[in-house]
Amino acid sequence: MKPRMRRFRFPLISAVAAGVLAAAASGGAPPAEVKASDYDSGNFENSTKIDNTWFPLRPGTQLVFRGSTIEGKETVPHRVVFTVTDLTKQIDGVDSVVLWDRDYSSGDLVEAEIAFFAQDDDGNVWQTGEYPEEYENGAILKSPLWIHGLQGARAGLTMRAVAKKGTSSYSLGWGPAVGFNDRAKVTKTGIKTCVPLDCYANVLLMSEYNPDEPGKYQLKYYARGVGNVRVGWAGKNEDTKETLVLVAVNRLGAKEMARARAAARKLEASAYERRKVYGETPPLERG
């Protein structure tokens, strides 16, 4: 994860991905293993239709998580809210869906961000950048921005079209200016997990980590057609020991979506003001 307090990061099947899965199920040749270095901006004909079965991003969907983290020697309640807006941002010629994320500790907003995701023509989901703000007593402490194509940053894989055990780890993104170097690997498939919202079978378990921080792992559990439903931790050096469970999936109405758009645009206005490099990107647009 980023070199700051480790926080949870947010990641219906497309026709292309469905065909790949069907071929695999029928014994056809398995697809080539996609790597982050395979990112190709020319392979995103319908990039804002993100319907990867493990990481669907339907505009107007809001996921709410509750759990806890260790801060110092104290266990504090933790809440994370992910909202899929109906905004897009063009990055390297690719239109990306805009997520608005909020992170609360003991009821206080400690981080907010806009994050950008796109799905390629093969059904793989990529993160093309993010602009987070970290807060203390309402003041901005840090804003470790990374955007594909700027300051040496590269897009990363969020979810392969076909996620299965035994495949290699892959980069979630590369932001050298802010030390973002996270990777992910599928560790288990076909497991079951229950959270307050529901119980899920055939769950995918992924481990995320920063190679520069050994002994620290964030575990993410994905359910088909829903996305991430649980977050856990592993590793002898893990200090925050963050846990989260999905407690609600909301469908936002027109008024709530208008508020989400306004909040995302407010964060972008701050990005343009605080980070000169962000000025090299076009503004958010309605999808």
C-alpha atoms as a PDB file:
ATOM      1  CA  MET A   1       0.000   0.000   0.000  1.00  0.00           C
ATOM      2  CA  LYS A   2       0.976   3.646  -0.008  1.00  0.00           C
ATOM      3  CA  PRO A   3       3.619   4.894   2.466  1.00  0.00           C
ATOM      4  CA  ARG A   4       0.970   6.233   4.864  1.00  0.00           C
ATOM      5  CA  MET A   5      -1.632   4.692   7.137  1.00  0.00           C
ATOM      6  CA  ARG A   6      -2.715   1.624   5.190  1.00  0.00           C
ATOM      7  CA  ARG A   7      -6.313   2.010   4.170  1.00  0.00           C
ATOM      8  CA  PHE A   8      -8.735  -0.159   2.272  1.00  0.00           C
ATOM      9  CA  ARG A   9      -8.790   0.568  -1.465  1.00  0.00           C
ATOM     10  CA  PHE A  10     -11.655   0.023  -3.596  1.00  0.00           C
ATOM     11  CA  PRO A  11     -11.922  -3.036  -6.518  1.00  0.00           C
ATOM     12  CA  LEU A  12     -22.264  -9.007 -14.327  1.00  0.00           C
ATOM     13  CA  ILE A  13     -20.018 -10.164 -16.913  1.00  0.00           C
ATOM     14  CA  SER A  14     -19.188  -8.657 -20.289  1.00  0.00           C
ATOM     15  CA  ALA A  15     -19.757 -10.551 -23.507  1.00  0.00           C
ATOM     16  CA  VAL A  16     -16.017 -10.845 -24.050  1.00  0.00           C
ATOM     17  CA  ALA A  17     -15.302 -12.047 -20.518  1.00  0.00           C
ATOM     18  CA  ALA A  18     -18.267 -14.401 -20.648  1.00  0.00           C
ATOM     19  CA  GLY A  19     -16.881 -15.996 -23.781  1.00  0.00           C
ATOM     20  CA  VAL A  20     -13.503 -16.454 -22.132  1.00  0.00           C
ATOM     21  CA  LEU A  21     -15.068 -18.099 -19.082  1.00  0.00           C
ATOM     22  CA  ALA A  22     -17.235 -20.319 -21.226  1.00  0.00           C
ATOM     23  CA  ALA A  23     -14.208 -21.493 -23.183  1.00  0.00           C
ATOM     24  CA  ALA A  24     -12.368 -22.242 -19.952  1.00  0.00           C
ATOM     25  CA  ALA A  25     -15.352 -24.145 -18.553  1.00  0.00           C
ATOM     26  CA  SER A  26     -15.676 -26.236 -21.715  1.00  0.00           C
ATOM     27  CA  GLY A  27     -12.031 -27.204 -21.682  1.00  0.00           C
ATOM     28  CA  GLY A  28     -10.905 -24.741 -24.349  1.00  0.00           C
ATOM     29  CA  ALA A  29      -7.486 -23.139 -24.334  1.00  0.00           C
ATOM     30  CA  PRO A  30      -6.998 -20.925 -21.254  1.00  0.00           C
ATOM     31  CA  PRO A  31      -6.529 -17.223 -21.903  1.00  0.00           C
ATOM     32  CA  ALA A  32      -3.104 -15.670 -21.810  1.00  0.00           C
ATOM     33  CA  GLU A  33      -2.183 -14.385 -18.356  1.00  0.00           C
ATOM     34  CA  VAL A  34      -2.610 -10.627 -18.458  1.00  0.00           C
ATOM     35  CA  LYS A  35       0.130  -8.527 -16.844  1.00  0.00           C
ATOM     36  CA  ALA A  36       0.130  -4.853 -15.921  1.00  0.00           C
ATOM     37  CA  SER A  37       2.701  -4.278 -18.667  1.00  0.00           C
ATOM     38  CA  ASP A  38       0.019  -5.359 -21.164  1.00  0.00           C
ATOM     39  CA  TYR A  39      -1.916  -2.113 -20.652  1.00  0.00           C
ATOM     40  CA  ASP A  40      -2.873  -0.780 -24.085  1.00  0.00           C
ATOM     41  CA  SER A  41      -4.873   2.444 -24.353  1.00  0.00           C
ATOM     42  CA  GLY A  42      -6.095   1.290 -27.792  1.00  0.00           C
ATOM     43  CA  ASN A  43      -7.903  -1.694 -26.268  1.00  0.00           C
ATOM     44  CA  PHE A  44     -10.720   0.212 -24.515  1.00  0.00           C
ATOM     45  CA  GLU A  45     -13.600   0.587 -26.953  1.00  0.00           C
ATOM     46  CA  ASN A  46     -16.295   0.613 -24.234  1.00  0.00           C
ATOM     47  CA  SER A  47     -14.139   1.400 -21.221  1.00  0.00           C
ATOM     48  CA  THR A  48     -16.800   2.777 -18.866  1.00  0.00           C
ATOM     49  CA  LYS A  49     -18.969  -0.347 -19.009  1.00  0.00           C
ATOM     50  CA  ILE A  50     -17.344  -2.138 -16.086  1.00  0.00           C
ATOM     51  CA  ASP A  51     -19.181  -5.421 -15.671  1.00  0.00           C
ATOM     52  CA  ASN A  52     -16.334  -7.749 -14.691  1.00  0.00           C
ATOM     53  CA  THR A  53     -18.026 -10.402 -12.562  1.00  0.00           C
ATOM     54  CA  TRP A  54     -15.654  -9.820  -9.597  1.00  0.00           C
ATOM     55  CA  PHE A  55     -15.494  -6.023  -9.836  1.00  0.00           C
ATOM     56  CA  PRO A  56     -18.684  -4.543 -11.332  1.00  0.00           C
ATOM     57  CA  LEU A  57     -18.960  -0.735 -11.196  1.00  0.00           C
ATOM     58  CA  ARG A  58     -22.512   0.300 -12.003  1.00  0.00           C
ATOM     59  CA  PRO A  59     -23.089   4.068 -11.683  1.00  0.00           C
ATOM     60  CA  GLY A  60     -25.311   4.843  -8.719  1.00  0.00           C
ATOM     61  CA  THR A  61     -24.104   1.882  -6.649  1.00  0.00           C
ATOM     62  CA  GLN A  62     -22.839   2.609  -3.148  1.00  0.00           C
ATOM     63  CA  LEU A  63     -21.082   0.038  -0.948  1.00  0.00           C
ATOM     64  CA  VAL A  64     -20.831   0.618   2.802  1.00  0.00           C
ATOM     65  CA  PHE A  65     -18.301  -1.227   4.977  1.00  0.00           C
ATOM     66  CA  ARG A  66     -17.802  -1.265   8.746  1.00  0.00           C
ATOM     67  CA  GLY A  67     -14.951  -2.631  10.826  1.00  0.00           C
ATOM     68  CA  SER A  68     -11.944  -1.518  12.819  1.00  0.00           C
ATOM     69  CA  THR A  69      -8.289  -0.569  12.618  1.00  0.00           C
ATOM     70  CA  ILE A  70      -5.416  -0.328  15.088  1.00  0.00           C
ATOM     71  CA  GLU A  71      -4.163   3.243  15.438  1.00  0.00           C
ATOM     72  CA  GLY A  72      -1.279   3.433  17.870  1.00  0.00           C
ATOM     73  CA  LYS A  73      -2.344   1.003  20.583  1.00  0.00           C
ATOM     74  CA  GLU A  74      -6.053   1.700  20.241  1.00  0.00           C
ATOM     75  CA  THR A  75      -8.676  -0.217  18.284  1.00  0.00           C
ATOM     76  CA  VAL A  76     -10.977   2.299  16.601  1.00  0.00           C
ATOM     77  CA  PRO A  77     -14.213   1.852  14.641  1.00  0.00           C
ATOM     78  CA  HIS A  78     -13.773   2.238  10.922  1.00  0.00           C
ATOM     79  CA  ARG A  79     -16.249   2.915   8.122  1.00  0.00           C
ATOM     80  CA  VAL A  80     -15.640   3.124   4.375  1.00  0.00           C
ATOM     81  CA  VAL A  81     -18.162   4.272   1.755  1.00  0.00           C
ATOM     82  CA  PHE A  82     -17.592   3.675  -1.964  1.00  0.00           C
ATOM     83  CA  THR A  83     -19.829   5.461  -4.456  1.00  0.00           C
ATOM     84  CA  VAL A  84     -19.768   4.766  -8.192  1.00  0.00           C
ATOM     85  CA  THR A  85     -20.556   8.129  -9.775  1.00  0.00           C
ATOM     86  CA  ASP A  86     -21.913   8.811 -13.257  1.00  0.00           C
ATOM     87  CA  LEU A  87     -18.822  10.885 -14.018  1.00  0.00           C
ATOM     88  CA  THR A  88     -15.892   9.918 -16.221  1.00  0.00           C
ATOM     89  CA  LYS A  89     -12.352  11.206 -16.642  1.00  0.00           C
ATOM     90  CA  GLN A  90     -10.233  10.799 -19.735  1.00  0.00           C
ATOM     91  CA  ILE A  91      -6.736   9.540 -18.966  1.00  0.00           C
ATOM     92  CA  ASP A  92      -4.322   8.727 -21.797  1.00  0.00           C
ATOM     93  CA  GLY A  93      -7.267   8.809 -24.194  1.00  0.00           C
ATOM     94  CA  VAL A  94      -9.248   6.273 -22.126  1.00  0.00           C
ATOM     95  CA  ASP A  95     -12.501   7.255 -20.408  1.00  0.00           C
ATOM     96  CA  SER A  96     -12.457   6.007 -16.819  1.00  0.00           C
ATOM     97  CA  VAL A  97     -15.318   5.620 -14.354  1.00  0.00           C
ATOM     98  CA  VAL A  98     -14.974   7.890 -11.310  1.00  0.00           C
ATOM     99  CA  LEU A  99     -15.363   6.464  -7.807  1.00  0.00           C
ATOM    100  CA  TRP A 100     -15.842   8.759  -4.827  1.00  0.00           C
ATOM    101  CA  ASP A 101     -14.532   7.137  -1.652  1.00  0.00           C
ATOM    102  CA  ARG A 102     -14.775   8.217   2.002  1.00  0.00           C
ATOM    103  CA  ASP A 103     -12.893   6.759   4.943  1.00  0.00           C
ATOM    104  CA  TYR A 104     -13.958   7.408   8.557  1.00  0.00           C
ATOM    105  CA  SER A 105     -12.190   6.588  11.845  1.00  0.00           C
ATOM    106  CA  SER A 106     -14.212   6.985  15.050  1.00  0.00           C
ATOM    107  CA  GLY A 107     -16.758   8.923  13.001  1.00  0.00           C
ATOM    108  CA  ASP A 108     -14.248  11.469  11.665  1.00  0.00           C
ATOM    109  CA  LEU A 109     -13.503  11.765   7.952  1.00  0.00           C
ATOM    110  CA  VAL A 110      -9.806  10.935   7.648  1.00  0.00           C
ATOM    111  CA  GLU A 111      -9.554  10.421   3.898  1.00  0.00           C
ATOM    112  CA  ALA A 112     -11.525  11.103   0.736  1.00  0.00           C
ATOM    113  CA  GLU A 113     -10.559  10.404  -2.834  1.00  0.00           C
ATOM    114  CA  ILE A 114     -11.583  10.149  -6.429  1.00  0.00           C
ATOM    115  CA  ALA A 115     -10.280   7.024  -8.145  1.00  0.00           C
ATOM    116  CA  PHE A 116     -10.417   6.089 -11.822  1.00  0.00           C
ATOM    117  CA  PHE A 117     -11.166   2.676 -13.351  1.00  0.00           C
ATOM    118  CA  ALA A 118     -11.639   1.368 -16.900  1.00  0.00           C
ATOM    119  CA  GLN A 119     -12.397  -2.037 -18.416  1.00  0.00           C
ATOM    120  CA  ASP A 120     -10.576  -3.197 -21.524  1.00  0.00           C
ATOM    121  CA  ASP A 121     -12.088  -5.078 -24.436  1.00  0.00           C
ATOM    122  CA  ASP A 122     -11.060  -8.415 -22.890  1.00  0.00           C
ATOM    123  CA  GLY A 123     -12.891  -7.784 -19.598  1.00  0.00           C
ATOM    124  CA  ASN A 124      -9.878  -6.831 -17.459  1.00  0.00           C
ATOM    125  CA  VAL A 125     -10.386  -3.909 -15.068  1.00  0.00           C
ATOM    126  CA  TRP A 126      -7.602  -1.348 -14.710  1.00  0.00           C
ATOM    127  CA  GLN A 127      -7.021   1.495 -12.295  1.00  0.00           C
ATOM    128  CA  THR A 128      -5.711   4.532 -14.151  1.00  0.00           C
ATOM    129  CA  GLY A 129      -5.069   6.758 -11.165  1.00  0.00           C
ATOM    130  CA  GLU A 130      -6.388   8.379  -8.011  1.00  0.00           C
ATOM    131  CA  TYR A 131      -6.403  11.643  -6.119  1.00  0.00           C
ATOM    132  CA  PRO A 132      -6.720  11.122  -2.342  1.00  0.00           C
ATOM    133  CA  GLU A 133      -6.764  13.679   0.445  1.00  0.00           C
ATOM    134  CA  GLU A 134      -5.833  12.743   4.013  1.00  0.00           C
ATOM    135  CA  TYR A 135      -7.290  14.879   6.803  1.00  0.00           C
ATOM    136  CA  GLU A 136      -6.613  15.718  10.423  1.00  0.00           C
ATOM    137  CA  ASN A 137      -8.993  18.016  12.279  1.00  0.00           C
ATOM    138  CA  GLY A 138     -10.469  19.003   8.911  1.00  0.00           C
ATOM    139  CA  ALA A 139      -7.132  20.105   7.427  1.00  0.00           C
ATOM    140  CA  ILE A 140      -5.462  18.381   4.461  1.00  0.00           C
ATOM    141  CA  LEU A 141      -2.279  16.602   5.499  1.00  0.00           C
ATOM    142  CA  LYS A 142      -1.327  14.855   2.244  1.00  0.00           C
ATOM    143  CA  SER A 143      -2.603  14.359  -1.275  1.00  0.00           C
ATOM    144  CA  PRO A 144      -0.470  11.570  -2.833  1.00  0.00           C
ATOM    145  CA  LEU A 145      -1.761  11.750  -6.409  1.00  0.00           C
ATOM    146  CA  TRP A 146      -0.811   9.314  -9.160  1.00  0.00           C
ATOM    147  CA  ILE A 147      -2.217   9.365 -12.695  1.00  0.00           C
ATOM    148  CA  HIS A 148      -1.231   7.043 -15.539  1.00  0.00           C
ATOM    149  CA  GLY A 149       1.181   8.794 -17.887  1.00  0.00           C
ATOM    150  CA  LEU A 150       2.166  11.546 -15.446  1.00  0.00           C
ATOM    151  CA  GLN A 151       5.383  11.596 -13.378  1.00  0.00           C
ATOM    152  CA  GLY A 152       6.252   8.112 -14.588  1.00  0.00           C
ATOM    153  CA  ALA A 153       3.033   6.554 -13.240  1.00  0.00           C
ATOM    154  CA  ARG A 154       1.521   3.484 -14.891  1.00  0.00           C
ATOM    155  CA  ALA A 155      -1.968   2.010 -14.776  1.00  0.00           C
ATOM    156  CA  GLY A 156      -2.361  -1.218 -12.856  1.00  0.00           C
ATOM    157  CA  LEU A 157      -4.605  -4.252 -13.060  1.00  0.00           C
ATOM    158  CA  THR A 158      -7.443  -4.281 -10.541  1.00  0.00           C
ATOM    159  CA  MET A 159      -9.071  -7.519 -11.655  1.00  0.00           C
ATOM    160  CA  ARG A 160      -8.340  -9.953 -14.477  1.00  0.00           C
ATOM    161  CA  ALA A 161     -11.233 -11.062 -16.656  1.00  0.00           C
ATOM    162  CA  VAL A 162     -10.460 -14.598 -15.506  1.00  0.00           C
ATOM    163  CA  ALA A 163      -9.217 -14.668 -11.920  1.00  0.00           C
ATOM    164  CA  LYS A 164      -7.915 -18.038 -10.753  1.00  0.00           C
ATOM    165  CA  LYS A 165      -5.521 -19.556  -8.282  1.00  0.00           C
ATOM    166  CA  GLY A 166      -2.026 -20.330  -9.465  1.00  0.00           C
ATOM    167  CA  THR A 167      -1.623 -17.235 -11.617  1.00  0.00           C
ATOM    168  CA  SER A 168       1.139 -14.739 -11.070  1.00  0.00           C
ATOM    169  CA  SER A 169       0.912 -11.631  -8.943  1.00  0.00           C
ATOM    170  CA  TYR A 170       0.404  -8.353 -10.777  1.00  0.00           C
ATOM    171  CA  SER A 171       0.871  -4.627 -10.270  1.00  0.00           C
ATOM    172  CA  LEU A 172      -2.111  -2.639  -8.997  1.00  0.00           C
ATOM    173  CA  GLY A 173      -0.445   0.490 -10.287  1.00  0.00           C
ATOM    174  CA  TRP A 174       2.898   2.254 -10.240  1.00  0.00           C
ATOM    175  CA  GLY A 175       3.165   5.766  -8.820  1.00  0.00           C
ATOM    176  CA  PRO A 176       6.888   6.408  -8.229  1.00  0.00           C
ATOM    177  CA  ALA A 177       6.337  10.033  -7.190  1.00  0.00           C
ATOM    178  CA  VAL A 178       4.286   8.890  -4.160  1.00  0.00           C
ATOM    179  CA  GLY A 179       5.770   5.441  -3.556  1.00  0.00           C
ATOM    180  CA  PHE A 180       2.717   3.519  -4.766  1.00  0.00           C
ATOM    181  CA  ASN A 181       3.900   0.037  -5.694  1.00  0.00           C
ATOM    182  CA  ASP A 182       1.139  -2.367  -4.580  1.00  0.00           C
ATOM    183  CA  ARG A 183       0.653  -5.828  -6.025  1.00  0.00           C
ATOM    184  CA  ALA A 184      -2.126  -8.443  -5.853  1.00  0.00           C
ATOM    185  CA  LYS A 185      -2.327 -12.218  -6.126  1.00  0.00           C
ATOM    186  CA  VAL A 186      -5.205 -14.702  -6.071  1.00  0.00           C
ATOM    187  CA  THR A 187      -4.691 -16.967  -3.043  1.00  0.00           C
ATOM    188  CA  LYS A 188      -7.943 -18.967  -2.836  1.00  0.00           C
ATOM    189  CA  THR A 189     -11.081 -19.604  -4.867  1.00  0.00           C
ATOM    190  CA  GLY A 190     -14.396 -21.308  -4.161  1.00  0.00           C
ATOM    191  CA  ILE A 191     -14.555 -20.346  -0.489  1.00  0.00           C
ATOM    192  CA  LYS A 192     -17.547 -19.153   1.523  1.00  0.00           C
ATOM    193  CA  THR A 193     -17.851 -16.025   3.661  1.00  0.00           C
ATOM    194  CA  CYS A 194     -20.699 -14.400   5.545  1.00  0.00           C
ATOM    195  CA  VAL A 195     -21.027 -10.682   6.248  1.00  0.00           C
ATOM    196  CA  PRO A 196     -23.916  -8.732   7.785  1.00  0.00           C
ATOM    197  CA  LEU A 197     -25.452  -8.171   4.356  1.00  0.00           C
ATOM    198  CA  ASP A 198     -25.450 -11.788   3.135  1.00  0.00           C
ATOM    199  CA  CYS A 199     -23.567 -15.078   2.855  1.00  0.00           C
ATOM    200  CA  TYR A 200     -21.618 -15.752  -0.327  1.00  0.00           C
ATOM    201  CA  ALA A 201     -20.275 -18.959  -1.892  1.00  0.00           C
ATOM    202  CA  ASN A 202     -17.580 -19.365  -4.560  1.00  0.00           C
ATOM    203  CA  VAL A 203     -15.756 -16.343  -3.184  1.00  0.00           C
ATOM    204  CA  LEU A 204     -12.411 -15.176  -4.567  1.00  0.00           C
ATOM    205  CA  LEU A 205      -9.702 -14.306  -2.018  1.00  0.00           C
ATOM    206  CA  MET A 206      -6.913 -11.960  -3.040  1.00  0.00           C
ATOM    207  CA  SER A 207      -3.859 -10.781  -1.145  1.00  0.00           C
ATOM    208  CA  GLU A 208      -2.532  -7.255  -1.716  1.00  0.00           C
ATOM    209  CA  TYR A 209       0.878  -6.105  -0.578  1.00  0.00           C
ATOM    210  CA  ASN A 210       3.748  -3.708  -1.139  1.00  0.00           C
ATOM    211  CA  PRO A 211       7.018  -5.567  -1.861  1.00  0.00           C
ATOM    212  CA  ASP A 212       8.841  -2.810   0.025  1.00  0.00           C
ATOM    213  CA  GLU A 213       6.870  -3.619   3.215  1.00  0.00           C
ATOM    214  CA  PRO A 214       7.378  -7.361   3.847  1.00  0.00           C
ATOM    215  CA  GLY A 215       5.130  -9.166   6.296  1.00  0.00           C
ATOM    216  CA  LYS A 216       2.088  -6.947   5.656  1.00  0.00           C
ATOM    217  CA  TYR A 217      -0.867  -8.190   3.618  1.00  0.00           C
ATOM    218  CA  GLN A 218      -4.379  -6.928   3.020  1.00  0.00           C
ATOM    219  CA  LEU A 219      -6.884  -9.687   2.235  1.00  0.00           C
ATOM    220  CA  LYS A 220      -9.884  -8.944   0.015  1.00  0.00           C
ATOM    221  CA  TYR A 221     -12.841 -11.269  -0.519  1.00  0.00           C
ATOM    222  CA  TYR A 222     -14.806 -10.893  -3.764  1.00  0.00           C
ATOM    223  CA  ALA A 223     -18.291 -12.246  -4.522  1.00  0.00           C
ATOM    224  CA  ARG A 224     -19.579 -12.662  -8.065  1.00  0.00           C
ATOM    225  CA  GLY A 225     -21.799  -9.827  -9.253  1.00  0.00           C
ATOM    226  CA  VAL A 226     -21.145  -7.817  -6.074  1.00  0.00           C
ATOM    227  CA  GLY A 227     -17.435  -7.139  -5.774  1.00  0.00           C
ATOM    228  CA  ASN A 228     -15.506  -6.798  -2.542  1.00  0.00           C
ATOM    229  CA  VAL A 229     -17.495  -8.005   0.498  1.00  0.00           C
ATOM    230  CA  ARG A 230     -14.847  -8.416   3.208  1.00  0.00           C
ATOM    231  CA  VAL A 231     -11.379  -7.097   4.094  1.00  0.00           C
ATOM    232  CA  GLY A 232      -8.922  -8.756   6.445  1.00  0.00           C
ATOM    233  CA  TRP A 233      -5.211  -8.863   7.122  1.00  0.00           C
ATOM    234  CA  ALA A 234      -2.259 -11.230   7.463  1.00  0.00           C
ATOM    235  CA  GLY A 235       1.451 -11.014   8.198  1.00  0.00           C
ATOM    236  CA  LYS A 236       3.617 -10.737  11.295  1.00  0.00           C
ATOM    237  CA  ASN A 237       4.450  -7.089  10.575  1.00  0.00           C
ATOM    238  CA  GLU A 238       0.898  -5.902   9.949  1.00  0.00           C
ATOM    239  CA  ASP A 239       0.227  -3.018  12.316  1.00  0.00           C
ATOM    240  CA  THR A 240      -3.162  -1.491  11.410  1.00  0.00           C
ATOM    241  CA  LYS A 241      -4.909  -4.903  11.286  1.00  0.00           C
ATOM    242  CA  GLU A 242      -7.794  -3.440   9.330  1.00  0.00           C
ATOM    243  CA  THR A 243     -11.001  -5.464   9.119  1.00  0.00           C
ATOM    244  CA  LEU A 244     -14.129  -4.507   7.192  1.00  0.00           C
ATOM    245  CA  VAL A 245     -17.370  -6.236   6.232  1.00  0.00           C
ATOM    246  CA  LEU A 246     -19.995  -5.171   3.731  1.00  0.00           C
ATOM    247  CA  VAL A 247     -23.101  -3.923   5.556  1.00  0.00           C
ATOM    248  CA  ALA A 248     -25.082  -2.280   2.744  1.00  0.00           C
ATOM    249  CA  VAL A 249     -25.347  -1.981  -1.025  1.00  0.00           C
ATOM    250  CA  ASN A 250     -27.404   1.098  -1.890  1.00  0.00           C
ATOM    251  CA  ARG A 251     -28.868   2.315  -5.169  1.00  0.00           C
ATOM    252  CA  LEU A 252     -28.689   6.087  -5.197  1.00  0.00           C
ATOM    253  CA  GLY A 253     -31.487   8.300  -6.455  1.00  0.00           C
ATOM    254  CA  ALA A 254     -31.143  11.516  -8.445  1.00  0.00           C
ATOM    255  CA  LYS A 255     -30.524  13.734  -5.405  1.00  0.00           C
ATOM    256  CA  GLU A 256     -27.863  11.446  -3.938  1.00  0.00           C
ATOM    257  CA  MET A 257     -26.141  11.173  -7.324  1.00  0.00           C
ATOM    258  CA  ALA A 258     -26.105  14.965  -7.644  1.00  0.00           C
ATOM    259  CA  ARG A 259     -24.411  15.156  -4.226  1.00  0.00           C
ATOM    260  CA  ALA A 260     -21.858  12.541  -5.287  1.00  0.00           C
ATOM    261  CA  ARG A 261     -21.059  14.465  -8.465  1.00  0.00           C
ATOM    262  CA  ALA A 262     -20.659  17.694  -6.493  1.00  0.00           C
ATOM    263  CA  ALA A 263     -18.344  16.018  -3.968  1.00  0.00           C
ATOM    264  CA  ALA A 264     -16.199  14.437  -6.708  1.00  0.00           C
ATOM    265  CA  ARG A 265     -15.915  17.746  -8.517  1.00  0.00           C
ATOM    266  CA  LYS A 266     -14.983  19.499  -5.280  1.00  0.00           C
ATOM    267  CA  LEU A 267     -12.130  17.027  -4.806  1.00  0.00           C
ATOM    268  CA  GLU A 268     -11.034  17.590  -8.385  1.00  0.00           C
ATOM    269  CA  ALA A 269     -11.059  21.369  -7.886  1.00  0.00           C
ATOM    270  CA  SER A 270      -8.776  20.817  -4.910  1.00  0.00           C
ATOM    271  CA  ALA A 271      -6.526  18.597  -7.037  1.00  0.00           C
ATOM    272  CA  TYR A 272      -6.199  21.301  -9.691  1.00  0.00           C
ATOM    273  CA  GLU A 273      -5.330  23.818  -6.987  1.00  0.00           C
ATOM    274  CA  ARG A 274      -2.935  21.692  -4.943  1.00  0.00           C
ATOM    275  CA  ARG A 275      -1.205  19.540  -7.548  1.00  0.00           C
ATOM    276  CA  LYS A 276       0.120  21.267 -10.659  1.00  0.00           C
ATOM    277  CA  VAL A 277       0.527  17.994 -12.549  1.00  0.00           C
ATOM    278  CA  TYR A 278      -3.216  17.324 -12.253  1.00  0.00           C
ATOM    279  CA  GLY A 279      -3.707  20.338 -14.532  1.00  0.00           C
ATOM    280  CA  GLU A 280      -2.427  18.162 -17.389  1.00  0.00           C
ATOM    281  CA  THR A 281      -5.677  16.166 -17.264  1.00  0.00           C
ATOM    282  CA  PRO A 282      -9.116  17.200 -18.623  1.00  0.00           C
ATOM    283  CA  PRO A 283     -11.973  17.816 -16.151  1.00  0.00           C
ATOM    284  CA  LEU A 284     -14.549  15.283 -15.066  1.00  0.00           C
ATOM    285  CA  GLU A 285     -17.511  14.820 -17.376  1.00  0.00           C
ATOM    286  CA  ARG A 286     -20.959  13.275 -17.093  1.00  0.00           C
ATOM    287  CA  GLY A 287     -20.919   9.754 -18.433  1.00  0.00           C
END
